[in-house]
Amino acid sequence: AVLVNDFGSVNIDSELVVGVEDDMISLANGCVCCEIRDD
């Protein structure tokens, strides 16, 4: 799991994206990319 300040700064291959929910992107390789919004 990668916590980032802004999704826009990470170039994620669209073919890897299997799900998007609020501030989390799920990838086909089992990884997730999460945006830090508050705490």
ModelCIF file with pLDDT and N, C-alpha, C, O atoms, coordinates in Angstrom:
data_MODEL
#
_entry.id   MODEL 
#
_entity.id                         1 
_entity.type                       polymer 
_entity.pdbx_number_of_molecules   1 
#
_entity_poly.entity_id                      1 
_entity_poly.type                           'polypeptide(L)' 
_entity_poly.nstd_linkage                   no 
_entity_poly.nstd_monomer                   no 
_entity_poly.pdbx_seq_one_letter_code       AVLVNDFGSVNIDSELVVGVEDDMISLANGCVCCEIRDD 
_entity_poly.pdbx_seq_one_letter_code_can   AVLVNDFGSVNIDSELVVGVEDDMISLANGCVCCEIRDD 
_entity_poly.pdbx_strand_id                 A 
#
loop_
_entity_poly_seq.entity_id 
_entity_poly_seq.num 
_entity_poly_seq.mon_id 
_entity_poly_seq.hetero 
1 1  ALA n 
1 2  VAL n 
1 3  LEU n 
1 4  VAL n 
1 5  ASN n 
1 6  ASP n 
1 7  PHE n 
1 8  GLY n 
1 9  SER n 
1 10 VAL n 
1 11 ASN n 
1 12 ILE n 
1 13 ASP n 
1 14 SER n 
1 15 GLU n 
1 16 LEU n 
1 17 VAL n 
1 18 VAL n 
1 19 GLY n 
1 20 VAL n 
1 21 GLU n 
1 22 ASP n 
1 23 ASP n 
1 24 MET n 
1 25 ILE n 
1 26 SER n 
1 27 LEU n 
1 28 ALA n 
1 29 ASN n 
1 30 GLY n 
1 31 CYS n 
1 32 VAL n 
1 33 CYS n 
1 34 CYS n 
1 35 GLU n 
1 36 ILE n 
1 37 ARG n 
1 38 ASP n 
1 39 ASP n 
#
_struct_asym.id          A 
_struct_asym.entity_id   1 
#
loop_
_ma_qa_metric.id 
_ma_qa_metric.mode 
_ma_qa_metric.name 
_ma_qa_metric.software_group_id 
_ma_qa_metric.type 
1 global pLDDT . pLDDT 
2 local  pLDDT . pLDDT 
#
_ma_qa_metric_global.metric_id      1 
_ma_qa_metric_global.metric_value   75.97 
_ma_qa_metric_global.model_id       1 
_ma_qa_metric_global.ordinal_id     1 
#
loop_
_ma_qa_metric_local.label_asym_id 
_ma_qa_metric_local.label_comp_id 
_ma_qa_metric_local.label_seq_id 
_ma_qa_metric_local.metric_id 
_ma_qa_metric_local.metric_value 
_ma_qa_metric_local.model_id 
_ma_qa_metric_local.ordinal_id 
A ALA 1  2 89.00 1 1  
A VAL 2  2 88.00 1 2  
A LEU 3  2 88.00 1 3  
A VAL 4  2 85.00 1 4  
A ASN 5  2 76.00 1 5  
A ASP 6  2 71.00 1 6  
A PHE 7  2 69.00 1 7  
A GLY 8  2 66.00 1 8  
A SER 9  2 68.00 1 9  
A VAL 10 2 71.00 1 10 
A ASN 11 2 69.00 1 11 
A ILE 12 2 69.00 1 12 
A ASP 13 2 67.00 1 13 
A SER 14 2 67.00 1 14 
A GLU 15 2 66.00 1 15 
A LEU 16 2 68.00 1 16 
A VAL 17 2 77.00 1 17 
A VAL 18 2 79.00 1 18 
A GLY 19 2 78.00 1 19 
A VAL 20 2 79.00 1 20 
A GLU 21 2 77.00 1 21 
A ASP 22 2 72.00 1 22 
A ASP 23 2 76.00 1 23 
A MET 24 2 79.00 1 24 
A ILE 25 2 78.00 1 25 
A SER 26 2 81.00 1 26 
A LEU 27 2 78.00 1 27 
A ALA 28 2 78.00 1 28 
A ASN 29 2 75.00 1 29 
A GLY 30 2 77.00 1 30 
A CYS 31 2 82.00 1 31 
A VAL 32 2 80.00 1 32 
A CYS 33 2 80.00 1 33 
A CYS 34 2 83.00 1 34 
A GLU 35 2 81.00 1 35 
A ILE 36 2 78.00 1 36 
A ARG 37 2 69.00 1 37 
A ASP 38 2 68.00 1 38 
A ASP 39 2 81.00 1 39 
#
loop_
_atom_site.group_PDB 
_atom_site.id 
_atom_site.type_symbol 
_atom_site.label_atom_id 
_atom_site.label_alt_id 
_atom_site.label_comp_id 
_atom_site.label_asym_id 
_atom_site.label_entity_id 
_atom_site.label_seq_id 
_atom_site.pdbx_PDB_ins_code 
_atom_site.Cartn_x 
_atom_site.Cartn_y 
_atom_site.Cartn_z 
_atom_site.occupancy 
_atom_site.B_iso_or_equiv 
_atom_site.pdbx_formal_charge 
_atom_site.auth_seq_id 
_atom_site.auth_comp_id 
_atom_site.auth_asym_id 
_atom_site.auth_atom_id 
_atom_site.pdbx_PDB_model_num 
ATOM 1   N N  . ALA A 1 1  ? 0.863   -1.185 0.000   1.00 89.00 ? 1  ALA A N  1 
ATOM 2   C CA . ALA A 1 1  ? 0.000   0.000  0.000   1.00 89.00 ? 1  ALA A CA 1 
ATOM 3   C C  . ALA A 1 1  ? 0.895   1.228  0.000   1.00 89.00 ? 1  ALA A C  1 
ATOM 4   O O  . ALA A 1 1  ? 1.835   1.319  0.789   1.00 89.00 ? 1  ALA A O  1 
ATOM 5   N N  . VAL A 1 2  ? 0.601   2.174  -0.886  1.00 88.00 ? 2  VAL A N  1 
ATOM 6   C CA . VAL A 1 2  ? 1.381   3.398  -0.981  1.00 88.00 ? 2  VAL A CA 1 
ATOM 7   C C  . VAL A 1 2  ? 0.492   4.571  -0.605  1.00 88.00 ? 2  VAL A C  1 
ATOM 8   O O  . VAL A 1 2  ? -0.555  4.786  -1.215  1.00 88.00 ? 2  VAL A O  1 
ATOM 9   N N  . LEU A 1 3  ? 0.910   5.322  0.396   1.00 88.00 ? 3  LEU A N  1 
ATOM 10  C CA . LEU A 1 3  ? 0.192   6.519  0.820   1.00 88.00 ? 3  LEU A CA 1 
ATOM 11  C C  . LEU A 1 3  ? 0.853   7.743  0.189   1.00 88.00 ? 3  LEU A C  1 
ATOM 12  O O  . LEU A 1 3  ? 2.047   7.974  0.379   1.00 88.00 ? 3  LEU A O  1 
ATOM 13  N N  . VAL A 1 4  ? 0.080   8.523  -0.558  1.00 85.00 ? 4  VAL A N  1 
ATOM 14  C CA . VAL A 1 4  ? 0.614   9.684  -1.264  1.00 85.00 ? 4  VAL A CA 1 
ATOM 15  C C  . VAL A 1 4  ? -0.228  10.910 -0.931  1.00 85.00 ? 4  VAL A C  1 
ATOM 16  O O  . VAL A 1 4  ? -1.365  10.797 -0.473  1.00 85.00 ? 4  VAL A O  1 
ATOM 17  N N  . ASN A 1 5  ? 0.348   12.073 -1.168  1.00 76.00 ? 5  ASN A N  1 
ATOM 18  C CA . ASN A 1 5  ? -0.368  13.320 -0.908  1.00 76.00 ? 5  ASN A CA 1 
ATOM 19  C C  . ASN A 1 5  ? -1.369  13.638 -2.009  1.00 76.00 ? 5  ASN A C  1 
ATOM 20  O O  . ASN A 1 5  ? -2.379  14.298 -1.767  1.00 76.00 ? 5  ASN A O  1 
ATOM 21  N N  . ASP A 1 6  ? -1.083  13.163 -3.231  1.00 71.00 ? 6  ASP A N  1 
ATOM 22  C CA . ASP A 1 6  ? -1.931  13.521 -4.368  1.00 71.00 ? 6  ASP A CA 1 
ATOM 23  C C  . ASP A 1 6  ? -1.853  12.406 -5.405  1.00 71.00 ? 6  ASP A C  1 
ATOM 24  O O  . ASP A 1 6  ? -0.767  12.037 -5.853  1.00 71.00 ? 6  ASP A O  1 
ATOM 25  N N  . PHE A 1 7  ? -3.011  11.874 -5.781  1.00 69.00 ? 7  PHE A N  1 
ATOM 26  C CA . PHE A 1 7  ? -3.036  10.835 -6.808  1.00 69.00 ? 7  PHE A CA 1 
ATOM 27  C C  . PHE A 1 7  ? -2.422  11.319 -8.123  1.00 69.00 ? 7  PHE A C  1 
ATOM 28  O O  . PHE A 1 7  ? -1.816  10.539 -8.858  1.00 69.00 ? 7  PHE A O  1 
ATOM 29  N N  . GLY A 1 8  ? -2.585  12.601 -8.408  1.00 66.00 ? 8  GLY A N  1 
ATOM 30  C CA . GLY A 1 8  ? -2.151  13.117 -9.693  1.00 66.00 ? 8  GLY A CA 1 
ATOM 31  C C  . GLY A 1 8  ? -0.652  13.039 -9.914  1.00 66.00 ? 8  GLY A C  1 
ATOM 32  O O  . GLY A 1 8  ? -0.185  13.098 -11.051 1.00 66.00 ? 8  GLY A O  1 
ATOM 33  N N  . SER A 1 9  ? 0.114   12.905 -8.821  1.00 68.00 ? 9  SER A N  1 
ATOM 34  C CA . SER A 1 9  ? 1.569   12.866 -8.958  1.00 68.00 ? 9  SER A CA 1 
ATOM 35  C C  . SER A 1 9  ? 2.085   11.483 -9.303  1.00 68.00 ? 9  SER A C  1 
ATOM 36  O O  . SER A 1 9  ? 3.261   11.332 -9.636  1.00 68.00 ? 9  SER A O  1 
ATOM 37  N N  . VAL A 1 10 ? 1.227   10.462 -9.232  1.00 71.00 ? 10 VAL A N  1 
ATOM 38  C CA . VAL A 1 10 ? 1.645   9.087  -9.497  1.00 71.00 ? 10 VAL A CA 1 
ATOM 39  C C  . VAL A 1 10 ? 1.012   8.618  -10.795 1.00 71.00 ? 10 VAL A C  1 
ATOM 40  O O  . VAL A 1 10 ? -0.212  8.569  -10.917 1.00 71.00 ? 10 VAL A O  1 
ATOM 41  N N  . ASN A 1 11 ? 1.844   8.277  -11.756 1.00 69.00 ? 11 ASN A N  1 
ATOM 42  C CA . ASN A 1 11 ? 1.362   7.824  -13.062 1.00 69.00 ? 11 ASN A CA 1 
ATOM 43  C C  . ASN A 1 11 ? 1.038   6.340  -13.006 1.00 69.00 ? 11 ASN A C  1 
ATOM 44  O O  . ASN A 1 11 ? 1.930   5.501  -13.132 1.00 69.00 ? 11 ASN A O  1 
ATOM 45  N N  . ILE A 1 12 ? -0.239  6.013  -12.818 1.00 69.00 ? 12 ILE A N  1 
ATOM 46  C CA . ILE A 1 12 ? -0.667  4.626  -12.693 1.00 69.00 ? 12 ILE A CA 1 
ATOM 47  C C  . ILE A 1 12 ? -1.202  4.135  -14.033 1.00 69.00 ? 12 ILE A C  1 
ATOM 48  O O  . ILE A 1 12 ? -2.077  4.763  -14.630 1.00 69.00 ? 12 ILE A O  1 
ATOM 49  N N  . ASP A 1 13 ? -0.677  3.023  -14.492 1.00 67.00 ? 13 ASP A N  1 
ATOM 50  C CA . ASP A 1 13 ? -1.137  2.417  -15.738 1.00 67.00 ? 13 ASP A CA 1 
ATOM 51  C C  . ASP A 1 13 ? -2.617  2.066  -15.605 1.00 67.00 ? 13 ASP A C  1 
ATOM 52  O O  . ASP A 1 13 ? -3.004  1.312  -14.713 1.00 67.00 ? 13 ASP A O  1 
ATOM 53  N N  . SER A 1 14 ? -3.441  2.616  -16.496 1.00 67.00 ? 14 SER A N  1 
ATOM 54  C CA . SER A 1 14 ? -4.892  2.407  -16.402 1.00 67.00 ? 14 SER A CA 1 
ATOM 55  C C  . SER A 1 14 ? -5.272  0.941  -16.516 1.00 67.00 ? 14 SER A C  1 
ATOM 56  O O  . SER A 1 14 ? -6.309  0.533  -15.992 1.00 67.00 ? 14 SER A O  1 
ATOM 57  N N  . GLU A 1 15 ? -4.453  0.138  -17.193 1.00 66.00 ? 15 GLU A N  1 
ATOM 58  C CA . GLU A 1 15 ? -4.766  -1.280 -17.331 1.00 66.00 ? 15 GLU A CA 1 
ATOM 59  C C  . GLU A 1 15 ? -4.598  -2.034 -16.018 1.00 66.00 ? 15 GLU A C  1 
ATOM 60  O O  . GLU A 1 15 ? -5.123  -3.135 -15.853 1.00 66.00 ? 15 GLU A O  1 
ATOM 61  N N  . LEU A 1 16 ? -3.854  -1.425 -15.077 1.00 68.00 ? 16 LEU A N  1 
ATOM 62  C CA . LEU A 1 16 ? -3.669  -2.068 -13.776 1.00 68.00 ? 16 LEU A CA 1 
ATOM 63  C C  . LEU A 1 16 ? -4.803  -1.773 -12.807 1.00 68.00 ? 16 LEU A C  1 
ATOM 64  O O  . LEU A 1 16 ? -5.017  -2.525 -11.857 1.00 68.00 ? 16 LEU A O  1 
ATOM 65  N N  . VAL A 1 17 ? -5.535  -0.682 -13.038 1.00 77.00 ? 17 VAL A N  1 
ATOM 66  C CA . VAL A 1 17 ? -6.568  -0.245 -12.096 1.00 77.00 ? 17 VAL A CA 1 
ATOM 67  C C  . VAL A 1 17 ? -7.778  -1.168 -12.181 1.00 77.00 ? 17 VAL A C  1 
ATOM 68  O O  . VAL A 1 17 ? -8.377  -1.334 -13.244 1.00 77.00 ? 17 VAL A O  1 
ATOM 69  N N  . VAL A 1 18 ? -8.128  -1.764 -11.042 1.00 79.00 ? 18 VAL A N  1 
ATOM 70  C CA . VAL A 1 18 ? -9.281  -2.658 -11.001 1.00 79.00 ? 18 VAL A CA 1 
ATOM 71  C C  . VAL A 1 18 ? -10.409 -2.101 -10.142 1.00 79.00 ? 18 VAL A C  1 
ATOM 72  O O  . VAL A 1 18 ? -11.509 -2.655 -10.138 1.00 79.00 ? 18 VAL A O  1 
ATOM 73  N N  . GLY A 1 19 ? -10.156 -1.017 -9.416  1.00 78.00 ? 19 GLY A N  1 
ATOM 74  C CA . GLY A 1 19 ? -11.200 -0.441 -8.595  1.00 78.00 ? 19 GLY A CA 1 
ATOM 75  C C  . GLY A 1 19 ? -10.798 0.907  -8.047  1.00 78.00 ? 19 GLY A C  1 
ATOM 76  O O  . GLY A 1 19 ? -9.636  1.122  -7.703  1.00 78.00 ? 19 GLY A O  1 
ATOM 77  N N  . VAL A 1 20 ? -11.765 1.831  -7.963  1.00 79.00 ? 20 VAL A N  1 
ATOM 78  C CA . VAL A 1 20 ? -11.537 3.159  -7.404  1.00 79.00 ? 20 VAL A CA 1 
ATOM 79  C C  . VAL A 1 20 ? -12.663 3.446  -6.411  1.00 79.00 ? 20 VAL A C  1 
ATOM 80  O O  . VAL A 1 20 ? -13.844 3.380  -6.754  1.00 79.00 ? 20 VAL A O  1 
ATOM 81  N N  . GLU A 1 21 ? -12.276 3.763  -5.180  1.00 77.00 ? 21 GLU A N  1 
ATOM 82  C CA . GLU A 1 21 ? -13.277 4.054  -4.160  1.00 77.00 ? 21 GLU A CA 1 
ATOM 83  C C  . GLU A 1 21 ? -12.787 5.196  -3.296  1.00 77.00 ? 21 GLU A C  1 
ATOM 84  O O  . GLU A 1 21 ? -11.844 5.036  -2.520  1.00 77.00 ? 21 GLU A O  1 
ATOM 85  N N  . ASP A 1 22 ? -13.428 6.360  -3.427  1.00 72.00 ? 22 ASP A N  1 
ATOM 86  C CA . ASP A 1 22 ? -13.067 7.558  -2.680  1.00 72.00 ? 22 ASP A CA 1 
ATOM 87  C C  . ASP A 1 22 ? -11.574 7.853  -2.838  1.00 72.00 ? 22 ASP A C  1 
ATOM 88  O O  . ASP A 1 22 ? -11.128 8.253  -3.913  1.00 72.00 ? 22 ASP A O  1 
ATOM 89  N N  . ASP A 1 23 ? -10.800 7.655  -1.762  1.00 76.00 ? 23 ASP A N  1 
ATOM 90  C CA . ASP A 1 23 ? -9.387  8.017  -1.801  1.00 76.00 ? 23 ASP A CA 1 
ATOM 91  C C  . ASP A 1 23 ? -8.483  6.787  -1.887  1.00 76.00 ? 23 ASP A C  1 
ATOM 92  O O  . ASP A 1 23 ? -7.373  6.789  -1.354  1.00 76.00 ? 23 ASP A O  1 
ATOM 93  N N  . MET A 1 24 ? -8.959  5.742  -2.557  1.00 79.00 ? 24 MET A N  1 
ATOM 94  C CA . MET A 1 24 ? -8.158  4.532  -2.706  1.00 79.00 ? 24 MET A CA 1 
ATOM 95  C C  . MET A 1 24 ? -8.307  3.962  -4.107  1.00 79.00 ? 24 MET A C  1 
ATOM 96  O O  . MET A 1 24 ? -9.413  3.874  -4.641  1.00 79.00 ? 24 MET A O  1 
ATOM 97  N N  . ILE A 1 25 ? -7.171  3.573  -4.700  1.00 78.00 ? 25 ILE A N  1 
ATOM 98  C CA . ILE A 1 25 ? -7.151  2.923  -6.002  1.00 78.00 ? 25 ILE A CA 1 
ATOM 99  C C  . ILE A 1 25 ? -6.597  1.512  -5.822  1.00 78.00 ? 25 ILE A C  1 
ATOM 100 O O  . ILE A 1 25 ? -5.498  1.339  -5.295  1.00 78.00 ? 25 ILE A O  1 
ATOM 101 N N  . SER A 1 26 ? -7.345  0.513  -6.252  1.00 81.00 ? 26 SER A N  1 
ATOM 102 C CA . SER A 1 26 ? -6.901  -0.877 -6.163  1.00 81.00 ? 26 SER A CA 1 
ATOM 103 C C  . SER A 1 26 ? -6.312  -1.301 -7.503  1.00 81.00 ? 26 SER A C  1 
ATOM 104 O O  . SER A 1 26 ? -6.851  -0.986 -8.564  1.00 81.00 ? 26 SER A O  1 
ATOM 105 N N  . LEU A 1 27 ? -5.196  -2.019 -7.434  1.00 78.00 ? 27 LEU A N  1 
ATOM 106 C CA . LEU A 1 27 ? -4.487  -2.433 -8.637  1.00 78.00 ? 27 LEU A CA 1 
ATOM 107 C C  . LEU A 1 27 ? -4.526  -3.939 -8.808  1.00 78.00 ? 27 LEU A C  1 
ATOM 108 O O  . LEU A 1 27 ? -4.720  -4.688 -7.851  1.00 78.00 ? 27 LEU A O  1 
ATOM 109 N N  . ALA A 1 28 ? -4.335  -4.368 -10.051 1.00 78.00 ? 28 ALA A N  1 
ATOM 110 C CA . ALA A 1 28 ? -4.450  -5.791 -10.382 1.00 78.00 ? 28 ALA A CA 1 
ATOM 111 C C  . ALA A 1 28 ? -3.350  -6.625 -9.732  1.00 78.00 ? 28 ALA A C  1 
ATOM 112 O O  . ALA A 1 28 ? -3.530  -7.826 -9.529  1.00 78.00 ? 28 ALA A O  1 
ATOM 113 N N  . ASN A 1 29 ? -2.209  -6.008 -9.402  1.00 75.00 ? 29 ASN A N  1 
ATOM 114 C CA . ASN A 1 29 ? -1.112  -6.768 -8.805  1.00 75.00 ? 29 ASN A CA 1 
ATOM 115 C C  . ASN A 1 29 ? -1.225  -6.903 -7.290  1.00 75.00 ? 29 ASN A C  1 
ATOM 116 O O  . ASN A 1 29 ? -0.288  -7.356 -6.631  1.00 75.00 ? 29 ASN A O  1 
ATOM 117 N N  . GLY A 1 30 ? -2.373  -6.510 -6.738  1.00 77.00 ? 30 GLY A N  1 
ATOM 118 C CA . GLY A 1 30 ? -2.592  -6.640 -5.307  1.00 77.00 ? 30 GLY A CA 1 
ATOM 119 C C  . GLY A 1 30 ? -2.212  -5.416 -4.509  1.00 77.00 ? 30 GLY A C  1 
ATOM 120 O O  . GLY A 1 30 ? -2.471  -5.365 -3.307  1.00 77.00 ? 30 GLY A O  1 
ATOM 121 N N  . CYS A 1 31 ? -1.600  -4.419 -5.146  1.00 82.00 ? 31 CYS A N  1 
ATOM 122 C CA . CYS A 1 31 ? -1.219  -3.191 -4.455  1.00 82.00 ? 31 CYS A CA 1 
ATOM 123 C C  . CYS A 1 31 ? -2.405  -2.223 -4.397  1.00 82.00 ? 31 CYS A C  1 
ATOM 124 O O  . CYS A 1 31 ? -3.361  -2.345 -5.163  1.00 82.00 ? 31 CYS A O  1 
ATOM 125 N N  . VAL A 1 32 ? -2.324  -1.274 -3.485  1.00 80.00 ? 32 VAL A N  1 
ATOM 126 C CA . VAL A 1 32 ? -3.299  -0.190 -3.425  1.00 80.00 ? 32 VAL A CA 1 
ATOM 127 C C  . VAL A 1 32 ? -2.545  1.122  -3.314  1.00 80.00 ? 32 VAL A C  1 
ATOM 128 O O  . VAL A 1 32 ? -1.432  1.173  -2.792  1.00 80.00 ? 32 VAL A O  1 
ATOM 129 N N  . CYS A 1 33 ? -3.165  2.178  -3.810  1.00 80.00 ? 33 CYS A N  1 
ATOM 130 C CA . CYS A 1 33 ? -2.605  3.517  -3.735  1.00 80.00 ? 33 CYS A CA 1 
ATOM 131 C C  . CYS A 1 33 ? -3.629  4.391  -3.018  1.00 80.00 ? 33 CYS A C  1 
ATOM 132 O O  . CYS A 1 33 ? -4.751  4.550  -3.498  1.00 80.00 ? 33 CYS A O  1 
ATOM 133 N N  . CYS A 1 34 ? -3.253  4.953  -1.881  1.00 83.00 ? 34 CYS A N  1 
ATOM 134 C CA . CYS A 1 34 ? -4.194  5.701  -1.045  1.00 83.00 ? 34 CYS A CA 1 
ATOM 135 C C  . CYS A 1 34 ? -3.758  7.157  -0.932  1.00 83.00 ? 34 CYS A C  1 
ATOM 136 O O  . CYS A 1 34 ? -2.571  7.466  -0.821  1.00 83.00 ? 34 CYS A O  1 
ATOM 137 N N  . GLU A 1 35 ? -4.756  8.044  -0.965  1.00 81.00 ? 35 GLU A N  1 
ATOM 138 C CA . GLU A 1 35 ? -4.487  9.473  -0.842  1.00 81.00 ? 35 GLU A CA 1 
ATOM 139 C C  . GLU A 1 35 ? -4.690  9.905  0.606   1.00 81.00 ? 35 GLU A C  1 
ATOM 140 O O  . GLU A 1 35 ? -5.706  9.596  1.229   1.00 81.00 ? 35 GLU A O  1 
ATOM 141 N N  . ILE A 1 36 ? -3.688  10.633 1.133   1.00 78.00 ? 36 ILE A N  1 
ATOM 142 C CA . ILE A 1 36 ? -3.779  11.143 2.500   1.00 78.00 ? 36 ILE A CA 1 
ATOM 143 C C  . ILE A 1 36 ? -4.576  12.435 2.476   1.00 78.00 ? 36 ILE A C  1 
ATOM 144 O O  . ILE A 1 36 ? -4.157  13.422 1.871   1.00 78.00 ? 36 ILE A O  1 
ATOM 145 N N  . ARG A 1 37 ? -5.720  12.426 3.133   1.00 69.00 ? 37 ARG A N  1 
ATOM 146 C CA . ARG A 1 37 ? -6.550  13.633 3.122   1.00 69.00 ? 37 ARG A CA 1 
ATOM 147 C C  . ARG A 1 37 ? -6.559  14.342 4.475   1.00 69.00 ? 37 ARG A C  1 
ATOM 148 O O  . ARG A 1 37 ? -6.476  15.568 4.541   1.00 69.00 ? 37 ARG A O  1 
ATOM 149 N N  . ASP A 1 38 ? -6.657  13.578 5.528   1.00 68.00 ? 38 ASP A N  1 
ATOM 150 C CA . ASP A 1 38 ? -6.742  14.196 6.851   1.00 68.00 ? 38 ASP A CA 1 
ATOM 151 C C  . ASP A 1 38 ? -5.645  13.653 7.765   1.00 68.00 ? 38 ASP A C  1 
ATOM 152 O O  . ASP A 1 38 ? -4.471  13.984 7.603   1.00 68.00 ? 38 ASP A O  1 
ATOM 153 N N  . ASP A 1 39 ? -6.032  12.827 8.713   1.00 81.00 ? 39 ASP A N  1 
ATOM 154 C CA . ASP A 1 39 ? -5.100  12.344 9.714   1.00 81.00 ? 39 ASP A CA 1 
ATOM 155 C C  . ASP A 1 39 ? -4.262  11.186 9.172   1.00 81.00 ? 39 ASP A C  1 
ATOM 156 O O  . ASP A 1 39 ? -3.415  10.649 9.886   1.00 81.00 ? 39 ASP A O  1 
#
